[in-house]
N, C-alpha and C. Protein backbone atom coordinates (compact mmCIF):
# COMPACT_ATOMS: atom_id res chain seq x y z
N MET A 1 -18.81 -3.32 -14.03
CA MET A 1 -19.31 -3.13 -12.77
C MET A 1 -19.44 -1.75 -12.46
N SER A 2 -20.55 -1.39 -11.57
CA SER A 2 -20.96 0.20 -11.32
C SER A 2 -20.55 0.47 -10.06
N GLU A 3 -20.25 1.74 -9.83
CA GLU A 3 -19.47 2.68 -8.81
C GLU A 3 -20.23 2.21 -7.87
N LYS A 4 -21.20 1.96 -7.60
CA LYS A 4 -21.90 1.38 -6.05
C LYS A 4 -21.17 0.08 -5.71
N GLN A 5 -21.10 -0.77 -6.90
CA GLN A 5 -19.98 -2.01 -6.63
C GLN A 5 -18.84 -2.17 -5.76
N LEU A 6 -18.12 -1.23 -7.17
CA LEU A 6 -16.54 -0.47 -6.85
C LEU A 6 -16.16 0.16 -5.61
N ILE A 7 -17.36 0.43 -4.43
CA ILE A 7 -17.57 1.05 -3.43
C ILE A 7 -17.27 -0.17 -2.60
N THR A 8 -18.32 -1.28 -2.39
CA THR A 8 -18.63 -2.42 -2.35
C THR A 8 -17.48 -2.97 -1.95
N GLN A 9 -17.14 -3.20 -3.25
CA GLN A 9 -15.89 -3.82 -3.47
C GLN A 9 -14.57 -3.26 -2.25
N LEU A 10 -14.35 -2.38 -2.63
CA LEU A 10 -13.37 -1.50 -1.71
C LEU A 10 -13.49 -1.72 0.14
N ALA A 11 -14.86 -1.65 0.52
CA ALA A 11 -15.23 -1.60 1.64
C ALA A 11 -15.00 -3.11 2.55
N ALA A 12 -14.96 -4.08 1.12
CA ALA A 12 -14.31 -5.71 1.75
C ALA A 12 -13.46 -5.27 1.88
N LEU A 13 -12.59 -4.97 0.89
CA LEU A 13 -11.18 -5.18 0.61
C LEU A 13 -10.18 -4.54 2.12
N LYS A 14 -11.06 -3.36 2.56
CA LYS A 14 -10.40 -2.49 3.95
C LYS A 14 -10.89 -3.80 4.88
N GLN A 15 -11.87 -4.38 4.79
CA GLN A 15 -12.38 -4.78 6.15
C GLN A 15 -11.64 -6.25 6.29
N ALA A 16 -11.14 -6.43 5.05
CA ALA A 16 -10.52 -7.74 5.32
C ALA A 16 -8.43 -7.35 5.43
N LEU A 17 -8.40 -5.88 4.72
CA LEU A 17 -7.26 -6.16 5.09
C LEU A 17 -7.32 -5.47 7.07
N ARG A 18 -8.01 -4.67 7.65
CA ARG A 18 -8.03 -4.93 8.90
C ARG A 18 -8.23 -6.42 9.68
N ALA A 19 -8.74 -7.48 9.06
CA ALA A 19 -8.84 -8.84 9.47
C ALA A 19 -7.47 -9.67 9.52
N ALA A 20 -6.50 -9.36 8.79
CA ALA A 20 -5.41 -10.15 8.36
C ALA A 20 -4.42 -10.00 9.31
N ASP A 21 -4.07 -11.04 9.39
CA ASP A 21 -2.98 -11.58 10.54
C ASP A 21 -1.91 -12.07 10.43
N ALA A 22 -0.72 -11.86 10.43
CA ALA A 22 0.59 -12.21 9.69
C ALA A 22 0.73 -13.32 10.20
N LYS A 23 0.31 -14.24 11.39
CA LYS A 23 0.72 -15.11 11.72
C LYS A 23 0.01 -16.37 11.12
N GLU A 24 -1.19 -16.14 10.63
CA GLU A 24 -1.78 -17.05 9.32
C GLU A 24 -1.11 -16.98 8.19
N ALA A 25 -0.75 -18.08 7.80
CA ALA A 25 -0.25 -18.28 6.35
C ALA A 25 -1.09 -18.07 5.61
N GLY A 26 -0.78 -16.73 4.86
CA GLY A 26 -1.12 -16.52 3.20
C GLY A 26 -2.33 -15.45 3.37
N SER A 27 -2.38 -14.57 4.61
CA SER A 27 -3.38 -13.86 5.43
C SER A 27 -3.14 -12.51 4.10
N PHE A 28 -1.95 -11.88 4.28
CA PHE A 28 -2.09 -10.94 3.37
C PHE A 28 -2.15 -11.03 1.54
N ALA A 29 -1.63 -12.48 1.31
CA ALA A 29 -1.59 -12.92 0.24
C ALA A 29 -2.99 -12.71 -0.27
N ARG A 30 -3.86 -13.03 0.35
CA ARG A 30 -5.41 -13.27 0.34
C ARG A 30 -5.91 -12.01 -0.39
N VAL A 31 -5.51 -11.06 0.99
CA VAL A 31 -6.13 -9.62 0.33
C VAL A 31 -5.65 -8.66 -0.79
N PHE A 32 -4.14 -8.83 -0.81
CA PHE A 32 -3.90 -8.57 -1.55
C PHE A 32 -4.32 -9.48 -3.14
N HIS A 33 -4.42 -10.72 -3.07
CA HIS A 33 -5.29 -11.23 -4.50
C HIS A 33 -6.86 -10.33 -4.64
N ALA A 34 -7.06 -9.92 -3.29
CA ALA A 34 -8.72 -9.53 -3.15
C ALA A 34 -8.80 -7.95 -4.44
N PHE A 35 -7.49 -7.06 -3.84
CA PHE A 35 -7.34 -5.91 -4.61
C PHE A 35 -6.98 -6.08 -6.21
N PHE A 36 -6.38 -7.17 -6.26
CA PHE A 36 -5.94 -7.29 -7.79
C PHE A 36 -7.22 -8.03 -8.49
N ASP A 37 -8.16 -8.75 -7.69
CA ASP A 37 -9.66 -8.67 -8.34
C ASP A 37 -10.22 -7.71 -8.20
N ILE A 38 -9.96 -6.61 -7.65
CA ILE A 38 -10.60 -5.18 -8.05
C ILE A 38 -10.22 -4.34 -8.79
N THR A 39 -8.62 -4.18 -9.78
CA THR A 39 -7.93 -4.44 -10.59
C THR A 39 -8.20 -4.77 -11.58
N ASP A 40 -8.83 -6.00 -11.90
CA ASP A 40 -8.68 -6.83 -13.21
C ASP A 40 -9.33 -6.33 -13.79
N GLY A 41 -10.50 -5.11 -14.04
CA GLY A 41 -11.01 -4.68 -14.89
C GLY A 41 -11.12 -3.31 -14.73
N PRO A 42 -11.77 -2.24 -15.68
CA PRO A 42 -11.09 -1.00 -15.82
C PRO A 42 -11.90 -0.23 -15.31
N ASP A 43 -12.67 -0.45 -14.20
CA ASP A 43 -14.13 1.08 -13.46
C ASP A 43 -13.09 1.67 -12.69
N LEU A 44 -11.94 0.56 -11.76
CA LEU A 44 -11.07 1.96 -10.68
C LEU A 44 -10.29 2.81 -11.69
N MET A 45 -9.80 2.17 -12.29
CA MET A 45 -8.64 3.27 -13.13
C MET A 45 -9.71 4.27 -14.35
N ARG A 46 -10.65 3.67 -14.80
CA ARG A 46 -11.66 4.58 -15.46
C ARG A 46 -12.72 5.67 -14.11
N LEU A 47 -12.38 5.13 -13.47
CA LEU A 47 -13.46 6.28 -12.03
C LEU A 47 -12.46 6.59 -11.31
N GLY A 48 -11.26 6.56 -11.11
CA GLY A 48 -10.35 7.23 -10.65
C GLY A 48 -9.23 8.12 -10.90
N LYS A 49 -8.30 8.78 -10.35
CA LYS A 49 -7.55 10.08 -10.98
C LYS A 49 -6.02 10.11 -10.42
N PRO A 50 -5.07 10.41 -11.42
CA PRO A 50 -3.88 10.70 -10.58
C PRO A 50 -4.01 11.51 -9.53
N GLY A 51 -3.21 10.83 -8.29
CA GLY A 51 -3.23 11.46 -7.25
C GLY A 51 -1.67 11.89 -6.53
N LYS A 52 -2.02 12.78 -5.74
CA LYS A 52 -0.27 13.15 -4.74
C LYS A 52 -0.88 12.75 -3.33
N ASN A 53 0.28 11.93 -2.63
CA ASN A 53 0.01 11.82 -1.22
C ASN A 53 1.32 11.53 -0.70
N PRO A 54 2.11 12.61 -0.38
CA PRO A 54 3.63 12.81 0.04
C PRO A 54 3.17 12.22 1.55
N GLU A 55 2.97 12.07 2.19
CA GLU A 55 2.72 11.25 3.28
C GLU A 55 2.49 9.62 2.87
N LEU A 56 2.13 9.11 2.13
CA LEU A 56 2.14 7.57 1.63
C LEU A 56 3.59 7.56 1.00
N ARG A 57 3.98 8.46 0.12
CA ARG A 57 4.92 8.21 -0.71
C ARG A 57 6.21 8.32 0.62
N ALA A 58 6.33 8.94 1.60
CA ALA A 58 7.21 9.11 2.56
C ALA A 58 7.59 7.49 3.55
N ALA A 59 5.99 7.16 3.21
CA ALA A 59 6.20 5.92 3.85
C ALA A 59 6.52 4.55 3.31
N LEU A 60 6.11 4.99 1.98
CA LEU A 60 6.80 4.00 1.25
C LEU A 60 8.25 3.73 0.72
N GLU A 61 8.52 4.98 0.78
CA GLU A 61 10.34 5.04 1.16
C GLU A 61 11.24 4.20 2.25
N ARG A 62 10.29 4.57 2.87
CA ARG A 62 10.99 4.38 4.74
C ARG A 62 10.72 2.84 4.54
N MET A 63 8.96 2.38 4.00
CA MET A 63 9.33 0.65 4.26
C MET A 63 10.32 0.15 3.57
N SER A 64 10.81 1.02 2.22
CA SER A 64 11.22 0.02 1.14
C SER A 64 13.04 0.56 1.70
N ARG A 65 13.03 1.63 1.95
CA ARG A 65 14.96 1.31 2.63
C ARG A 65 15.11 -0.04 4.22
N GLU A 66 14.15 0.13 5.06
CA GLU A 66 13.95 -1.07 5.73
C GLU A 66 13.76 -2.82 5.25
N PHE A 67 13.39 -2.36 4.07
CA PHE A 67 12.84 -3.98 3.65
C PHE A 67 14.59 -4.34 2.87
N LEU A 68 14.73 -3.53 1.76
CA LEU A 68 16.05 -3.56 1.29
C LEU A 68 17.03 -3.03 1.57
N GLY A 69 17.22 -2.57 2.92
CA GLY A 69 18.35 -2.51 3.96
C GLY A 69 19.41 -1.50 3.92
N ASP A 70 19.12 -0.15 2.46
CA ASP A 70 19.63 0.98 2.28
C ASP A 70 18.67 2.13 2.45
N ASP A 71 19.61 2.36 3.43
CA ASP A 71 19.02 4.00 4.23
C ASP A 71 18.98 5.54 2.59
N THR A 72 19.81 4.98 1.56
CA THR A 72 19.69 5.80 0.64
C THR A 72 18.91 5.88 -0.53
N LEU A 73 18.29 4.89 -0.74
CA LEU A 73 17.57 4.44 -1.64
C LEU A 73 16.37 5.16 -2.04
N THR A 74 15.99 5.73 -3.01
CA THR A 74 14.91 6.22 -3.13
C THR A 74 13.88 5.65 -4.77
N LEU A 75 12.54 6.40 -4.04
CA LEU A 75 11.76 5.42 -5.55
C LEU A 75 11.71 6.23 -6.44
N SER A 76 11.09 4.93 -8.01
CA SER A 76 11.46 5.84 -8.95
C SER A 76 10.42 5.31 -9.83
N GLY A 77 9.86 6.15 -11.04
CA GLY A 77 8.68 5.67 -11.23
C GLY A 77 7.51 6.07 -10.52
N ILE A 78 7.44 6.45 -9.14
CA ILE A 78 6.38 5.80 -8.84
C ILE A 78 5.23 6.80 -9.68
N LYS A 79 3.65 6.09 -9.53
CA LYS A 79 2.42 6.65 -9.74
C LYS A 79 1.46 6.29 -8.92
N ILE A 80 0.59 7.05 -8.19
CA ILE A 80 -0.33 6.78 -7.57
C ILE A 80 -1.73 7.80 -8.08
N ALA A 81 -2.79 6.26 -8.25
CA ALA A 81 -4.13 6.78 -8.66
C ALA A 81 -4.85 6.82 -7.47
N THR A 82 -5.79 7.84 -7.16
CA THR A 82 -6.86 7.72 -6.34
C THR A 82 -8.02 7.75 -6.71
N TYR A 83 -9.04 6.80 -5.82
CA TYR A 83 -10.71 7.21 -6.03
C TYR A 83 -11.20 7.47 -4.71
N ALA A 84 -11.54 8.64 -4.87
CA ALA A 84 -11.30 9.46 -3.58
C ALA A 84 -13.00 9.38 -2.77
N PRO A 85 -14.06 8.89 -3.48
CA PRO A 85 -15.08 8.63 -2.73
C PRO A 85 -14.81 7.38 -1.83
N ALA A 86 -13.70 6.65 -1.74
CA ALA A 86 -13.52 5.80 -0.68
C ALA A 86 -12.02 6.07 0.22
N GLY A 87 -11.49 7.30 -0.39
CA GLY A 87 -9.97 7.28 0.20
C GLY A 87 -9.28 6.36 -0.05
N PHE A 88 -9.06 6.00 -1.21
CA PHE A 88 -8.36 5.30 -1.79
C PHE A 88 -7.05 5.03 -2.62
N PHE A 89 -5.85 4.63 -2.28
CA PHE A 89 -4.60 5.55 -3.24
C PHE A 89 -4.09 4.06 -3.73
N HIS A 90 -3.89 3.71 -4.93
CA HIS A 90 -3.10 2.74 -5.42
C HIS A 90 -1.88 3.29 -6.28
N GLY A 91 -0.89 1.99 -6.55
CA GLY A 91 -0.19 2.38 -7.77
C GLY A 91 1.18 1.58 -7.50
N LEU A 92 2.21 2.24 -8.18
CA LEU A 92 3.34 0.77 -8.56
C LEU A 92 4.48 2.11 -8.26
N PHE A 93 5.67 1.61 -8.09
CA PHE A 93 6.66 2.29 -8.31
C PHE A 93 8.11 0.83 -8.72
N PHE A 94 9.34 1.82 -8.62
CA PHE A 94 10.79 1.26 -8.95
C PHE A 94 11.64 1.39 -7.87
N VAL A 95 12.16 0.09 -7.11
CA VAL A 95 13.20 0.71 -6.58
C VAL A 95 14.07 -0.64 -6.22
N SER A 96 15.37 -0.06 -6.42
CA SER A 96 16.57 -0.92 -5.81
C SER A 96 16.10 -2.66 -7.05
N GLY A 97 16.08 -2.50 -7.97
CA GLY A 97 15.63 -3.63 -8.88
C GLY A 97 14.48 -4.40 -8.47
N ALA A 98 13.52 -3.94 -7.57
CA ALA A 98 12.77 -4.60 -7.20
C ALA A 98 10.97 -3.38 -8.07
N HIS A 99 10.47 -4.34 -8.44
CA HIS A 99 8.99 -3.92 -8.47
C HIS A 99 7.91 -3.78 -7.57
N ALA A 100 7.31 -2.64 -7.06
CA ALA A 100 6.32 -3.15 -6.34
C ALA A 100 4.90 -2.32 -6.63
N THR A 101 4.07 -3.13 -5.73
CA THR A 101 2.48 -2.54 -6.20
C THR A 101 2.13 -2.33 -4.59
N PHE A 102 0.98 -1.57 -4.20
CA PHE A 102 0.64 -1.26 -3.32
C PHE A 102 -0.40 -0.59 -3.36
N PHE A 103 -1.22 -0.61 -2.33
CA PHE A 103 -2.64 0.18 -1.89
C PHE A 103 -2.69 0.55 -0.62
N TYR A 104 -3.60 1.36 -0.51
CA TYR A 104 -3.70 2.47 1.29
C TYR A 104 -4.89 3.15 1.06
N PHE A 105 -5.65 3.04 2.07
CA PHE A 105 -6.54 3.69 2.44
C PHE A 105 -6.21 5.29 3.27
N GLY A 106 -6.82 5.73 2.80
CA GLY A 106 -6.36 7.24 3.62
C GLY A 106 -6.66 7.48 4.75
N GLY A 107 -7.77 7.00 5.20
CA GLY A 107 -8.78 7.00 6.29
C GLY A 107 -8.62 6.63 6.89
N GLU A 108 -8.27 4.77 6.61
CA GLU A 108 -7.75 3.96 8.03
C GLU A 108 -6.21 4.69 8.07
N ARG A 109 -5.61 4.92 7.34
CA ARG A 109 -4.00 5.71 7.04
C ARG A 109 -3.07 3.94 7.14
N GLN A 110 -3.97 2.89 6.29
CA GLN A 110 -3.43 1.63 6.50
C GLN A 110 -2.98 1.08 5.21
N GLY A 111 -2.44 -0.21 4.34
CA GLY A 111 -2.63 -0.63 3.52
C GLY A 111 -1.17 -1.82 3.16
N LEU A 112 -1.46 -2.03 1.78
CA LEU A 112 -0.26 -3.21 1.71
C LEU A 112 0.19 -2.61 0.55
N VAL A 113 1.95 -2.83 0.60
CA VAL A 113 2.84 -2.98 -0.24
C VAL A 113 3.53 -4.56 -0.91
N SER A 114 3.57 -4.65 -2.06
CA SER A 114 4.39 -5.97 -2.40
C SER A 114 5.50 -5.45 -3.17
N TYR A 115 6.61 -6.40 -2.90
CA TYR A 115 7.77 -6.64 -3.77
C TYR A 115 7.55 -7.44 -4.59
N ASN A 116 8.58 -7.57 -5.93
CA ASN A 116 9.14 -8.21 -6.63
C ASN A 116 9.98 -8.44 -7.08
N ARG A 117 11.34 -8.52 -6.78
CA ARG A 117 12.64 -8.86 -7.26
C ARG A 117 13.10 -10.05 -8.66
N GLY A 118 12.09 -10.51 -9.41
CA GLY A 118 12.28 -11.08 -10.39
C GLY A 118 11.77 -12.17 -9.98
N SER A 119 11.64 -12.53 -8.95
CA SER A 119 11.50 -14.01 -8.65
C SER A 119 10.48 -14.77 -8.82
N LEU A 120 9.75 -16.00 -8.59
CA LEU A 120 7.78 -16.12 -8.91
C LEU A 120 7.24 -15.67 -7.03
N THR A 121 7.84 -15.46 -5.92
CA THR A 121 7.17 -14.60 -4.90
C THR A 121 7.53 -13.82 -4.66
N SER A 122 6.58 -13.01 -4.38
CA SER A 122 6.63 -11.43 -3.96
C SER A 122 6.27 -11.59 -2.09
N ASP A 123 7.34 -9.97 -1.65
CA ASP A 123 7.53 -10.33 0.12
C ASP A 123 5.80 -9.00 0.17
N ILE A 124 5.36 -9.23 0.86
CA ILE A 124 3.82 -8.55 1.01
C ILE A 124 4.09 -7.79 2.34
N PHE A 125 4.13 -6.70 2.91
CA PHE A 125 3.65 -5.66 3.94
C PHE A 125 2.80 -5.02 4.20
N ARG A 126 2.48 -5.03 5.22
CA ARG A 126 1.04 -3.93 5.63
C ARG A 126 1.53 -2.50 6.16
N ILE A 127 1.33 -1.50 5.59
CA ILE A 127 2.21 -0.37 5.94
C ILE A 127 0.63 0.32 6.83
N THR A 128 1.15 1.21 7.92
CA THR A 128 0.13 1.62 8.66
C THR A 128 1.25 3.22 8.93
N THR A 129 0.60 4.53 8.71
CA THR A 129 1.28 5.74 8.86
C THR A 129 0.58 6.33 10.18
N VAL A 130 1.25 6.94 11.19
CA VAL A 130 0.54 7.48 11.91
C VAL A 130 1.23 9.30 11.79
N PRO A 131 0.26 10.16 12.13
CA PRO A 131 0.79 11.30 12.09
C PRO A 131 1.42 11.91 13.02
N ILE A 132 2.52 12.78 12.81
CA ILE A 132 3.63 13.13 13.89
C ILE A 132 3.11 14.50 14.21
N PRO A 133 2.99 15.17 14.93
CA PRO A 133 2.34 16.67 15.79
C PRO A 133 3.67 17.48 15.16
N ASP A 134 3.40 18.76 14.65
CA ASP A 134 4.39 19.82 14.21
C ASP A 134 5.15 19.99 15.67
N GLY A 135 6.37 19.71 15.53
CA GLY A 135 7.36 19.94 16.38
C GLY A 135 7.53 18.99 17.46
N ALA A 136 7.11 17.45 17.12
CA ALA A 136 7.61 16.59 18.06
C ALA A 136 8.72 15.61 16.75
N THR A 137 9.69 14.96 17.38
CA THR A 137 10.47 14.22 17.37
C THR A 137 10.07 12.73 17.20
N PRO A 138 10.14 12.50 16.06
CA PRO A 138 9.75 10.52 16.03
C PRO A 138 10.70 10.14 15.82
N VAL A 139 10.72 8.76 17.18
CA VAL A 139 12.02 7.86 17.29
C VAL A 139 11.53 6.75 17.11
N THR A 140 12.27 5.95 16.37
CA THR A 140 12.36 4.60 16.44
C THR A 140 11.93 3.53 17.96
N GLY A 141 11.28 2.67 18.23
CA GLY A 141 11.58 1.43 19.26
C GLY A 141 12.73 0.79 19.19
N PRO A 142 12.53 -0.53 19.73
CA PRO A 142 13.36 -1.17 19.35
C PRO A 142 12.91 -1.95 18.46
N ARG A 143 14.07 -2.98 17.34
CA ARG A 143 14.05 -3.18 16.38
C ARG A 143 12.73 -4.39 16.05
N GLY A 144 11.65 -4.42 15.22
CA GLY A 144 10.69 -5.14 15.23
C GLY A 144 9.25 -4.88 15.86
N THR A 145 9.49 -3.43 16.50
CA THR A 145 8.12 -2.98 17.27
C THR A 145 7.82 -1.87 16.61
N ALA A 146 8.26 -0.90 15.76
CA ALA A 146 7.82 0.31 15.43
C ALA A 146 7.05 -0.67 13.68
């Protein structure tokens, strides 16, 4: 696959993520399978670089704490890779007996994270980050609205 094809595939993945709807069964699974199709070959890793994204890491930790019901857990073994031309981050981590895989579009501030706890099924969530201005105090809304 050429770099141009990779950019095209990532643009299609971004569009699929935007269009995914939790009310439609399998919607997010199809998006994650599209991600796996991209990662099936060596090009994303060959063209990408090790990366850091403190905002993404914090969001993944908050998501994990909420999903697994433990406000004290921390991520371990986190690996983040980035493909800068598409503002794309992807990687994996371990948390509280679960293996998680994720991808995230920095410009869109949106991605997916999939947790597998050793079963035949995975739990898949869309993550969205929102910048908090300096001096602001974030508060959560009623459960299920944040």
